[in-house]
């Protein structure tokens, strides 16, 4: 199948690699062309605009920063809609709020282009192995038609309903991640301040019902102060903006989400944005030192 990818960030590049390695013909565009060089070496065709990508693709997957970026690549100069052809479908894998997602889907439909929201759980390493969890919102027949593509990058897919439903679920999931990172961070800081080995804290934690993938895989790196990014802290903060916006729009009172957003926002402001999202611990440690 001819699949277009718009956005060659950490996740976009990994998704493209997986699709190439599973036999799909991949055409890619990224605003910074240098980020596509490794994909070109694997056989991807690099194009100069979203328009050119859509012209050569059955399915175009957008994996960009936010809803403004989705609108830009879809409707801007040399955007996706300029490359419209019979059968073209867009799957937006960006993490955006469901309100904006539905508006973009409606606008694309006015151009005769169906869209599904298709955010994922799991980072670049899982994408390369085909072990993401893919959530789909939009017309079920579109999901079923392109399920082989989604199956190529995932170990499980969930069809959730109309446009925007998958984005709502993705925000709910990222809320769990942001708060869990805070919880593990504060646990490590507390035991260190109490004179205990943080690795002992992780050993006890991971021996209990409260063990998580984050505490087992990210925890030891956090205890060592290693925050190599698989998902930037600044992007998590952006997602918390989306979570809190959505909460206000749907009438949900999420006080912990508001507090988490404040903490991540302060961490970005203090220069921690390019760390992994678990680098929130480094910010909290710095903040705790200033309090002593």
C-alpha atoms as a PDB file:
ATOM      1  CA  UNK A   1       0.000   0.000   0.000  1.00  0.00           C
ATOM      2  CA  UNK A   2       1.168   3.547  -0.704  1.00  0.00           C
ATOM      3  CA  UNK A   3       1.439   5.348   2.627  1.00  0.00           C
ATOM      4  CA  UNK A   4       2.434   8.963   3.090  1.00  0.00           C
ATOM      5  CA  UNK A   5       3.987  10.247   6.308  1.00  0.00           C
ATOM      6  CA  UNK A   6       3.974  13.947   7.144  1.00  0.00           C
ATOM      7  CA  UNK A   7       6.264  14.608  10.087  1.00  0.00           C
ATOM      8  CA  UNK A   8       9.606  12.882  10.717  1.00  0.00           C
ATOM      9  CA  UNK A   9      10.021  13.528  14.418  1.00  0.00           C
ATOM     10  CA  UNK A  10      10.893  10.732  16.849  1.00  0.00           C
ATOM     11  CA  UNK A  11       7.611   8.880  16.353  1.00  0.00           C
ATOM     12  CA  UNK A  12       7.080   9.757  12.693  1.00  0.00           C
ATOM     13  CA  UNK A  13      10.484   8.435  11.721  1.00  0.00           C
ATOM     14  CA  UNK A  14       9.942   5.199  13.648  1.00  0.00           C
ATOM     15  CA  UNK A  15       6.505   4.640  12.101  1.00  0.00           C
ATOM     16  CA  UNK A  16       7.945   5.234   8.638  1.00  0.00           C
ATOM     17  CA  UNK A  17      10.762   2.760   9.263  1.00  0.00           C
ATOM     18  CA  UNK A  18       8.317   0.108  10.402  1.00  0.00           C
ATOM     19  CA  UNK A  19       6.066   0.592   7.386  1.00  0.00           C
ATOM     20  CA  UNK A  20       9.038   0.345   5.011  1.00  0.00           C
ATOM     21  CA  UNK A  21      10.231  -2.810   6.759  1.00  0.00           C
ATOM     22  CA  UNK A  22       6.783  -4.409   6.458  1.00  0.00           C
ATOM     23  CA  UNK A  23       6.563  -3.897   2.717  1.00  0.00           C
ATOM     24  CA  UNK A  24       4.672  -0.632   2.320  1.00  0.00           C
ATOM     25  CA  UNK A  25       5.751   2.015  -0.144  1.00  0.00           C
ATOM     26  CA  UNK A  26       6.401   5.137   1.931  1.00  0.00           C
ATOM     27  CA  UNK A  27       6.498   8.752   0.780  1.00  0.00           C
ATOM     28  CA  UNK A  28       7.537  11.286   3.393  1.00  0.00           C
ATOM     29  CA  UNK A  29       7.659  15.017   3.987  1.00  0.00           C
ATOM     30  CA  UNK A  30       9.201  16.920   6.855  1.00  0.00           C
ATOM     31  CA  UNK A  31       9.703  20.654   7.158  1.00  0.00           C
ATOM     32  CA  UNK A  32      13.362  20.017   8.085  1.00  0.00           C
ATOM     33  CA  UNK A  33      14.439  17.808   5.215  1.00  0.00           C
ATOM     34  CA  UNK A  34      17.601  16.564   6.953  1.00  0.00           C
ATOM     35  CA  UNK A  35      15.446  14.470   9.282  1.00  0.00           C
ATOM     36  CA  UNK A  36      14.310  12.349   6.328  1.00  0.00           C
ATOM     37  CA  UNK A  37      17.774  11.369   5.093  1.00  0.00           C
ATOM     38  CA  UNK A  38      17.967   8.067   7.000  1.00  0.00           C
ATOM     39  CA  UNK A  39      14.518   7.124   5.692  1.00  0.00           C
ATOM     40  CA  UNK A  40      15.543   7.884   2.122  1.00  0.00           C
ATOM     41  CA  UNK A  41      18.428   5.450   2.573  1.00  0.00           C
ATOM     42  CA  UNK A  42      15.890   2.783   3.565  1.00  0.00           C
ATOM     43  CA  UNK A  43      13.859   3.387   0.415  1.00  0.00           C
ATOM     44  CA  UNK A  44      11.369   6.097   1.355  1.00  0.00           C
ATOM     45  CA  UNK A  45      10.616   8.689  -1.297  1.00  0.00           C
ATOM     46  CA  UNK A  46      11.164  12.171   0.095  1.00  0.00           C
ATOM     47  CA  UNK A  47       8.917  14.926  -1.236  1.00  0.00           C
ATOM     48  CA  UNK A  48       8.974  18.701  -1.000  1.00  0.00           C
ATOM     49  CA  UNK A  49       5.428  19.296   0.241  1.00  0.00           C
ATOM     50  CA  UNK A  50       2.366  17.644   1.813  1.00  0.00           C
ATOM     51  CA  UNK A  51       0.679  18.098  -1.579  1.00  0.00           C
ATOM     52  CA  UNK A  52       3.263  15.893  -3.295  1.00  0.00           C
ATOM     53  CA  UNK A  53       2.943  13.271  -0.539  1.00  0.00           C
ATOM     54  CA  UNK A  54      -0.841  13.114  -0.860  1.00  0.00           C
ATOM     55  CA  UNK A  55      -0.661  12.855  -4.646  1.00  0.00           C
ATOM     56  CA  UNK A  56       1.363   9.641  -4.334  1.00  0.00           C
ATOM     57  CA  UNK A  57      -0.420   8.064  -1.350  1.00  0.00           C
ATOM     58  CA  UNK A  58      -3.579   6.089  -0.629  1.00  0.00           C
ATOM     59  CA  UNK A  59      -3.322   6.906   3.077  1.00  0.00           C
ATOM     60  CA  UNK A  60      -1.546   9.970   4.489  1.00  0.00           C
ATOM     61  CA  UNK A  61      -0.547   9.778   8.156  1.00  0.00           C
ATOM     62  CA  UNK A  62       0.088  13.136   9.811  1.00  0.00           C
ATOM     63  CA  UNK A  63       2.321  13.077  12.899  1.00  0.00           C
ATOM     64  CA  UNK A  64       2.949  16.705  13.813  1.00  0.00           C
ATOM     65  CA  UNK A  65       3.145  18.884  16.921  1.00  0.00           C
ATOM     66  CA  UNK A  66      -0.356  20.243  17.425  1.00  0.00           C
ATOM     67  CA  UNK A  67      -3.685  21.099  15.793  1.00  0.00           C
ATOM     68  CA  UNK A  68      -2.257  24.260  14.200  1.00  0.00           C
ATOM     69  CA  UNK A  69       0.410  22.144  12.528  1.00  0.00           C
ATOM     70  CA  UNK A  70      -2.219  19.653  11.331  1.00  0.00           C
ATOM     71  CA  UNK A  71      -4.247  22.500   9.817  1.00  0.00           C
ATOM     72  CA  UNK A  72      -1.127  23.935   8.177  1.00  0.00           C
ATOM     73  CA  UNK A  73      -0.080  20.693   6.451  1.00  0.00           C
ATOM     74  CA  UNK A  74      -3.686  19.946   5.490  1.00  0.00           C
ATOM     75  CA  UNK A  75      -4.942  23.324   4.265  1.00  0.00           C
ATOM     76  CA  UNK A  76      -1.885  25.559   3.904  1.00  0.00           C
ATOM     77  CA  UNK A  77       0.162  26.289   0.830  1.00  0.00           C
ATOM     78  CA  UNK A  78       0.878  23.037  -1.057  1.00  0.00           C
ATOM     79  CA  UNK A  79      -1.142  21.241   1.607  1.00  0.00           C
ATOM     80  CA  UNK A  80      -2.763  17.838   1.542  1.00  0.00           C
ATOM     81  CA  UNK A  81      -5.994  19.103   0.018  1.00  0.00           C
ATOM     82  CA  UNK A  82      -4.046  20.409  -2.984  1.00  0.00           C
ATOM     83  CA  UNK A  83      -3.038  16.821  -3.766  1.00  0.00           C
ATOM     84  CA  UNK A  84      -6.536  15.391  -3.487  1.00  0.00           C
ATOM     85  CA  UNK A  85      -7.378  12.371  -5.629  1.00  0.00           C
ATOM     86  CA  UNK A  86      -9.979   9.628  -5.637  1.00  0.00           C
ATOM     87  CA  UNK A  87      -9.665   7.410  -2.572  1.00  0.00           C
ATOM     88  CA  UNK A  88      -7.315   9.629  -0.565  1.00  0.00           C
ATOM     89  CA  UNK A  89      -7.674   9.221   3.225  1.00  0.00           C
ATOM     90  CA  UNK A  90      -5.948  11.068   6.089  1.00  0.00           C
ATOM     91  CA  UNK A  91      -5.105   9.451   9.442  1.00  0.00           C
ATOM     92  CA  UNK A  92      -4.008  12.015  12.018  1.00  0.00           C
ATOM     93  CA  UNK A  93      -1.622  10.415  14.509  1.00  0.00           C
ATOM     94  CA  UNK A  94      -0.829  13.709  16.249  1.00  0.00           C
ATOM     95  CA  UNK A  95      -1.908  14.220  19.855  1.00  0.00           C
ATOM     96  CA  UNK A  96      -4.523  16.963  19.665  1.00  0.00           C
ATOM     97  CA  UNK A  97      -7.775  17.707  21.438  1.00  0.00           C
ATOM     98  CA  UNK A  98     -10.965  16.082  20.144  1.00  0.00           C
ATOM     99  CA  UNK A  99     -12.710  19.392  19.513  1.00  0.00           C
ATOM    100  CA  UNK A 100     -10.043  20.545  17.059  1.00  0.00           C
ATOM    101  CA  UNK A 101      -9.827  17.060  15.567  1.00  0.00           C
ATOM    102  CA  UNK A 102     -13.528  17.022  14.704  1.00  0.00           C
ATOM    103  CA  UNK A 103     -13.276  20.486  13.120  1.00  0.00           C
ATOM    104  CA  UNK A 104     -10.324  19.397  10.961  1.00  0.00           C
ATOM    105  CA  UNK A 105     -12.117  16.194   9.956  1.00  0.00           C
ATOM    106  CA  UNK A 106     -15.196  18.190   8.945  1.00  0.00           C
ATOM    107  CA  UNK A 107     -13.124  20.644   6.930  1.00  0.00           C
ATOM    108  CA  UNK A 108     -11.315  17.793   5.138  1.00  0.00           C
ATOM    109  CA  UNK A 109     -14.661  16.137   4.383  1.00  0.00           C
ATOM    110  CA  UNK A 110     -15.742  19.348   2.625  1.00  0.00           C
ATOM    111  CA  UNK A 111     -12.818  18.714   0.277  1.00  0.00           C
ATOM    112  CA  UNK A 112     -13.951  15.120  -0.208  1.00  0.00           C
ATOM    113  CA  UNK A 113     -11.199  13.627   1.982  1.00  0.00           C
ATOM    114  CA  UNK A 114     -12.199  11.346   4.896  1.00  0.00           C
ATOM    115  CA  UNK A 115     -10.120  11.565   8.079  1.00  0.00           C
ATOM    116  CA  UNK A 116      -9.702   9.287  11.055  1.00  0.00           C
ATOM    117  CA  UNK A 117      -7.905  10.221  14.255  1.00  0.00           C
ATOM    118  CA  UNK A 118      -5.326   7.516  14.964  1.00  0.00           C
ATOM    119  CA  UNK A 119      -3.172   8.437  17.984  1.00  0.00           C
ATOM    120  CA  UNK A 120      -0.976   5.749  19.496  1.00  0.00           C
ATOM    121  CA  UNK A 121       0.376   4.580  22.811  1.00  0.00           C
ATOM    122  CA  UNK A 122       4.032   3.605  22.919  1.00  0.00           C
ATOM    123  CA  UNK A 123       7.170   5.400  21.829  1.00  0.00           C
ATOM    124  CA  UNK A 124       9.554   5.134  18.878  1.00  0.00           C
ATOM    125  CA  UNK A 125      11.173   1.867  20.017  1.00  0.00           C
ATOM    126  CA  UNK A 126       7.791   0.122  20.100  1.00  0.00           C
ATOM    127  CA  UNK A 127       6.848   1.631  16.748  1.00  0.00           C
ATOM    128  CA  UNK A 128       9.954   0.120  15.165  1.00  0.00           C
ATOM    129  CA  UNK A 129       8.962  -3.302  16.554  1.00  0.00           C
ATOM    130  CA  UNK A 130       5.318  -2.993  15.511  1.00  0.00           C
ATOM    131  CA  UNK A 131       4.135  -2.986  19.118  1.00  0.00           C
ATOM    132  CA  UNK A 132       2.193   0.263  19.386  1.00  0.00           C
ATOM    133  CA  UNK A 133      -1.394   0.462  20.572  1.00  0.00           C
ATOM    134  CA  UNK A 134      -3.425   2.317  17.932  1.00  0.00           C
ATOM    135  CA  UNK A 135      -6.734   4.025  18.728  1.00  0.00           C
ATOM    136  CA  UNK A 136      -9.082   4.960  15.887  1.00  0.00           C
ATOM    137  CA  UNK A 137     -11.896   7.495  15.706  1.00  0.00           C
ATOM    138  CA  UNK A 138     -13.879   8.070  12.517  1.00  0.00           C
ATOM    139  CA  UNK A 139     -15.834   6.036   9.992  1.00  0.00           C
ATOM    140  CA  UNK A 140     -15.455   2.339  10.757  1.00  0.00           C
ATOM    141  CA  UNK A 141     -15.252   1.394   7.078  1.00  0.00           C
ATOM    142  CA  UNK A 142     -12.139   3.592   6.715  1.00  0.00           C
ATOM    143  CA  UNK A 143     -10.535   1.872   9.698  1.00  0.00           C
ATOM    144  CA  UNK A 144     -11.341  -1.554   8.264  1.00  0.00           C
ATOM    145  CA  UNK A 145      -9.999  -0.636   4.820  1.00  0.00           C
ATOM    146  CA  UNK A 146      -6.640   0.438   6.207  1.00  0.00           C
ATOM    147  CA  UNK A 147      -6.415  -1.949   9.154  1.00  0.00           C
ATOM    148  CA  UNK A 148      -3.470  -3.746   7.536  1.00  0.00           C
ATOM    149  CA  UNK A 149      -1.458  -0.514   7.769  1.00  0.00           C
ATOM    150  CA  UNK A 150      -2.387   0.032  11.409  1.00  0.00           C
ATOM    151  CA  UNK A 151      -1.674  -3.631  12.164  1.00  0.00           C
ATOM    152  CA  UNK A 152       1.815  -3.224  10.669  1.00  0.00           C
ATOM    153  CA  UNK A 153       2.797  -0.809  13.430  1.00  0.00           C
ATOM    154  CA  UNK A 154       0.759  -2.203  16.324  1.00  0.00           C
ATOM    155  CA  UNK A 155       0.149  -5.188  18.506  1.00  0.00           C
ATOM    156  CA  UNK A 156      -3.441  -4.086  19.064  1.00  0.00           C
ATOM    157  CA  UNK A 157      -5.876  -1.583  17.589  1.00  0.00           C
ATOM    158  CA  UNK A 158      -9.032  -0.162  19.151  1.00  0.00           C
ATOM    159  CA  UNK A 159     -11.885   1.262  17.101  1.00  0.00           C
ATOM    160  CA  UNK A 160     -13.559   3.750  19.459  1.00  0.00           C
ATOM    161  CA  UNK A 161     -16.279   5.487  17.438  1.00  0.00           C
ATOM    162  CA  UNK A 162     -16.788   8.826  15.722  1.00  0.00           C
ATOM    163  CA  UNK A 163     -14.124  11.422  14.940  1.00  0.00           C
ATOM    164  CA  UNK A 164     -12.475  12.778  18.069  1.00  0.00           C
ATOM    165  CA  UNK A 165     -13.068   9.726  20.265  1.00  0.00           C
ATOM    166  CA  UNK A 166      -9.553   8.380  19.800  1.00  0.00           C
ATOM    167  CA  UNK A 167      -8.031  11.777  20.571  1.00  0.00           C
ATOM    168  CA  UNK A 168     -10.081  12.005  23.770  1.00  0.00           C
ATOM    169  CA  UNK A 169      -8.844   8.556  24.801  1.00  0.00           C
ATOM    170  CA  UNK A 170      -5.248   9.469  23.960  1.00  0.00           C
ATOM    171  CA  UNK A 171      -5.412  12.548  26.195  1.00  0.00           C
ATOM    172  CA  UNK A 172      -6.830  10.447  29.037  1.00  0.00           C
ATOM    173  CA  UNK A 173      -3.919   8.029  28.606  1.00  0.00           C
ATOM    174  CA  UNK A 174      -1.278  10.760  28.510  1.00  0.00           C
ATOM    175  CA  UNK A 175      -2.749  12.204  31.695  1.00  0.00           C
ATOM    176  CA  UNK A 176      -1.962   8.875  33.378  1.00  0.00           C
ATOM    177  CA  UNK A 177       1.617   9.006  32.080  1.00  0.00           C
ATOM    178  CA  UNK A 178       2.266  12.569  33.238  1.00  0.00           C
ATOM    179  CA  UNK A 179       0.943  11.931  36.737  1.00  0.00           C
ATOM    180  CA  UNK A 180       2.725   8.583  37.072  1.00  0.00           C
ATOM    181  CA  UNK A 181       6.017  10.255  36.165  1.00  0.00           C
ATOM    182  CA  UNK A 182       5.388  12.805  38.918  1.00  0.00           C
ATOM    183  CA  UNK A 183       4.533  10.076  41.427  1.00  0.00           C
ATOM    184  CA  UNK A 184       7.658   8.001  40.732  1.00  0.00           C
ATOM    185  CA  UNK A 185       9.780  11.161  40.763  1.00  0.00           C
ATOM    186  CA  UNK A 186       8.498  12.249  44.158  1.00  0.00           C
ATOM    187  CA  UNK A 187       8.916   8.725  45.551  1.00  0.00           C
ATOM    188  CA  UNK A 188      12.571   8.655  44.462  1.00  0.00           C
ATOM    189  CA  UNK A 189      13.186  12.142  45.845  1.00  0.00           C
ATOM    190  CA  UNK A 190      11.528  11.285  49.168  1.00  0.00           C
ATOM    191  CA  UNK A 191      13.586   8.130  49.789  1.00  0.00           C
ATOM    192  CA  UNK A 192      16.820   9.865  48.755  1.00  0.00           C
ATOM    193  CA  UNK A 193      16.129  12.721  51.164  1.00  0.00           C
ATOM    194  CA  UNK A 194      15.404  10.087  53.842  1.00  0.00           C
ATOM    195  CA  UNK A 195      18.821   8.498  53.336  1.00  0.00           C
ATOM    196  CA  UNK A 196      17.592   5.435  51.415  1.00  0.00           C
ATOM    197  CA  UNK A 197      18.801   3.967  48.135  1.00  0.00           C
ATOM    198  CA  UNK A 198      16.353   4.915  45.336  1.00  0.00           C
ATOM    199  CA  UNK A 199      17.007   1.542  43.694  1.00  0.00           C
ATOM    200  CA  UNK A 200      15.720  -0.128  46.858  1.00  0.00           C
ATOM    201  CA  UNK A 201      12.565   1.975  46.518  1.00  0.00           C
ATOM    202  CA  UNK A 202      12.151   0.717  42.951  1.00  0.00           C
ATOM    203  CA  UNK A 203      12.808  -2.879  43.992  1.00  0.00           C
ATOM    204  CA  UNK A 204      10.101  -2.693  46.647  1.00  0.00           C
ATOM    205  CA  UNK A 205       7.695  -0.863  44.340  1.00  0.00           C
ATOM    206  CA  UNK A 206       8.222  -3.360  41.535  1.00  0.00           C
ATOM    207  CA  UNK A 207       7.559  -6.245  43.919  1.00  0.00           C
ATOM    208  CA  UNK A 208       4.050  -4.977  44.551  1.00  0.00           C
ATOM    209  CA  UNK A 209       0.696  -4.620  42.836  1.00  0.00           C
ATOM    210  CA  UNK A 210       1.696  -1.029  42.000  1.00  0.00           C
ATOM    211  CA  UNK A 211       4.482  -2.053  39.611  1.00  0.00           C
ATOM    212  CA  UNK A 212       4.206  -0.376  36.190  1.00  0.00           C
ATOM    213  CA  UNK A 213       6.036  -0.401  32.898  1.00  0.00           C
ATOM    214  CA  UNK A 214       7.343   3.059  33.770  1.00  0.00           C
ATOM    215  CA  UNK A 215       8.656   2.007  37.172  1.00  0.00           C
ATOM    216  CA  UNK A 216      10.449  -1.003  35.680  1.00  0.00           C
ATOM    217  CA  UNK A 217      11.803   0.512  32.458  1.00  0.00           C
ATOM    218  CA  UNK A 218      12.129   4.228  33.177  1.00  0.00           C
ATOM    219  CA  UNK A 219      12.559   4.028  36.962  1.00  0.00           C
ATOM    220  CA  UNK A 220      16.204   2.866  37.006  1.00  0.00           C
ATOM    221  CA  UNK A 221      17.165   5.600  34.535  1.00  0.00           C
ATOM    222  CA  UNK A 222      15.370   8.170  36.654  1.00  0.00           C
ATOM    223  CA  UNK A 223      17.249   6.976  39.743  1.00  0.00           C
ATOM    224  CA  UNK A 224      20.534   7.446  37.835  1.00  0.00           C
ATOM    225  CA  UNK A 225      19.513  10.885  36.579  1.00  0.00           C
ATOM    226  CA  UNK A 226      19.376   9.741  32.934  1.00  0.00           C
ATOM    227  CA  UNK A 227      16.651  11.461  30.932  1.00  0.00           C
ATOM    228  CA  UNK A 228      17.455  10.673  27.300  1.00  0.00           C
ATOM    229  CA  UNK A 229      14.287  11.650  25.430  1.00  0.00           C
ATOM    230  CA  UNK A 230      11.886   9.173  23.915  1.00  0.00           C
ATOM    231  CA  UNK A 231       9.120  11.751  24.445  1.00  0.00           C
ATOM    232  CA  UNK A 232      10.054  15.348  25.166  1.00  0.00           C
ATOM    233  CA  UNK A 233       8.953  16.953  28.430  1.00  0.00           C
ATOM    234  CA  UNK A 234       7.865  20.024  26.448  1.00  0.00           C
ATOM    235  CA  UNK A 235       5.535  17.854  24.350  1.00  0.00           C
ATOM    236  CA  UNK A 236       4.026  16.344  27.498  1.00  0.00           C
ATOM    237  CA  UNK A 237       3.372  19.875  28.726  1.00  0.00           C
ATOM    238  CA  UNK A 238       1.665  20.675  25.423  1.00  0.00           C
ATOM    239  CA  UNK A 239      -0.502  17.581  25.874  1.00  0.00           C
ATOM    240  CA  UNK A 240      -1.441  18.737  29.361  1.00  0.00           C
ATOM    241  CA  UNK A 241      -2.581  22.018  27.810  1.00  0.00           C
ATOM    242  CA  UNK A 242      -4.798  19.963  25.488  1.00  0.00           C
ATOM    243  CA  UNK A 243      -6.075  17.846  28.379  1.00  0.00           C
ATOM    244  CA  UNK A 244      -7.064  20.876  30.433  1.00  0.00           C
ATOM    245  CA  UNK A 245      -8.639  22.627  27.443  1.00  0.00           C
ATOM    246  CA  UNK A 246     -10.705  19.523  26.693  1.00  0.00           C
ATOM    247  CA  UNK A 247     -11.713  19.215  30.349  1.00  0.00           C
ATOM    248  CA  UNK A 248     -13.046  22.779  30.319  1.00  0.00           C
ATOM    249  CA  UNK A 249     -14.903  22.219  27.055  1.00  0.00           C
ATOM    250  CA  UNK A 250     -16.632  19.020  28.212  1.00  0.00           C
ATOM    251  CA  UNK A 251     -17.249  20.207  31.790  1.00  0.00           C
ATOM    252  CA  UNK A 252     -14.809  17.890  33.609  1.00  0.00           C
ATOM    253  CA  UNK A 253     -13.172  19.078  36.837  1.00  0.00           C
ATOM    254  CA  UNK A 254      -9.584  17.738  36.813  1.00  0.00           C
ATOM    255  CA  UNK A 255      -7.653  19.445  39.642  1.00  0.00           C
ATOM    256  CA  UNK A 256      -4.691  17.055  39.459  1.00  0.00           C
ATOM    257  CA  UNK A 257      -4.389  17.647  35.710  1.00  0.00           C
ATOM    258  CA  UNK A 258      -4.261  21.388  36.375  1.00  0.00           C
ATOM    259  CA  UNK A 259      -1.526  20.942  38.982  1.00  0.00           C
ATOM    260  CA  UNK A 260       0.452  18.620  36.696  1.00  0.00           C
ATOM    261  CA  UNK A 261       0.241  21.187  33.905  1.00  0.00           C
ATOM    262  CA  UNK A 262       1.552  23.883  36.196  1.00  0.00           C
ATOM    263  CA  UNK A 263       4.534  21.722  37.217  1.00  0.00           C
ATOM    264  CA  UNK A 264       5.419  20.694  33.659  1.00  0.00           C
ATOM    265  CA  UNK A 265       4.960  24.277  32.457  1.00  0.00           C
ATOM    266  CA  UNK A 266       7.386  25.498  35.125  1.00  0.00           C
ATOM    267  CA  UNK A 267       9.856  22.770  34.175  1.00  0.00           C
ATOM    268  CA  UNK A 268       9.784  23.872  30.524  1.00  0.00           C
ATOM    269  CA  UNK A 269      10.173  27.501  31.564  1.00  0.00           C
ATOM    270  CA  UNK A 270      13.182  26.482  33.684  1.00  0.00           C
ATOM    271  CA  UNK A 271      14.944  24.807  30.741  1.00  0.00           C
ATOM    272  CA  UNK A 272      13.987  21.128  31.129  1.00  0.00           C
ATOM    273  CA  UNK A 273      11.806  20.902  28.006  1.00  0.00           C
ATOM    274  CA  UNK A 274      14.249  18.955  25.819  1.00  0.00           C
ATOM    275  CA  UNK A 275      14.652  16.199  28.409  1.00  0.00           C
ATOM    276  CA  UNK A 276      12.528  13.075  28.443  1.00  0.00           C
ATOM    277  CA  UNK A 277       9.189  13.683  30.153  1.00  0.00           C
ATOM    278  CA  UNK A 278      10.557  11.787  33.181  1.00  0.00           C
ATOM    279  CA  UNK A 279      13.004  14.684  33.500  1.00  0.00           C
ATOM    280  CA  UNK A 280      10.237  16.264  35.561  1.00  0.00           C
ATOM    281  CA  UNK A 281      12.154  14.589  38.407  1.00  0.00           C
ATOM    282  CA  UNK A 282      15.220  16.726  37.657  1.00  0.00           C
ATOM    283  CA  UNK A 283      13.049  19.839  37.855  1.00  0.00           C
ATOM    284  CA  UNK A 284      11.453  18.692  41.119  1.00  0.00           C
ATOM    285  CA  UNK A 285      14.888  17.960  42.620  1.00  0.00           C
ATOM    286  CA  UNK A 286      16.086  21.413  41.687  1.00  0.00           C
ATOM    287  CA  UNK A 287      12.950  22.923  43.170  1.00  0.00           C
ATOM    288  CA  UNK A 288      13.342  20.922  46.377  1.00  0.00           C
ATOM    289  CA  UNK A 289      16.952  22.130  46.783  1.00  0.00           C
ATOM    290  CA  UNK A 290      15.786  25.730  46.584  1.00  0.00           C
ATOM    291  CA  UNK A 291      13.365  25.026  49.421  1.00  0.00           C
ATOM    292  CA  UNK A 292      16.064  23.798  51.843  1.00  0.00           C
END
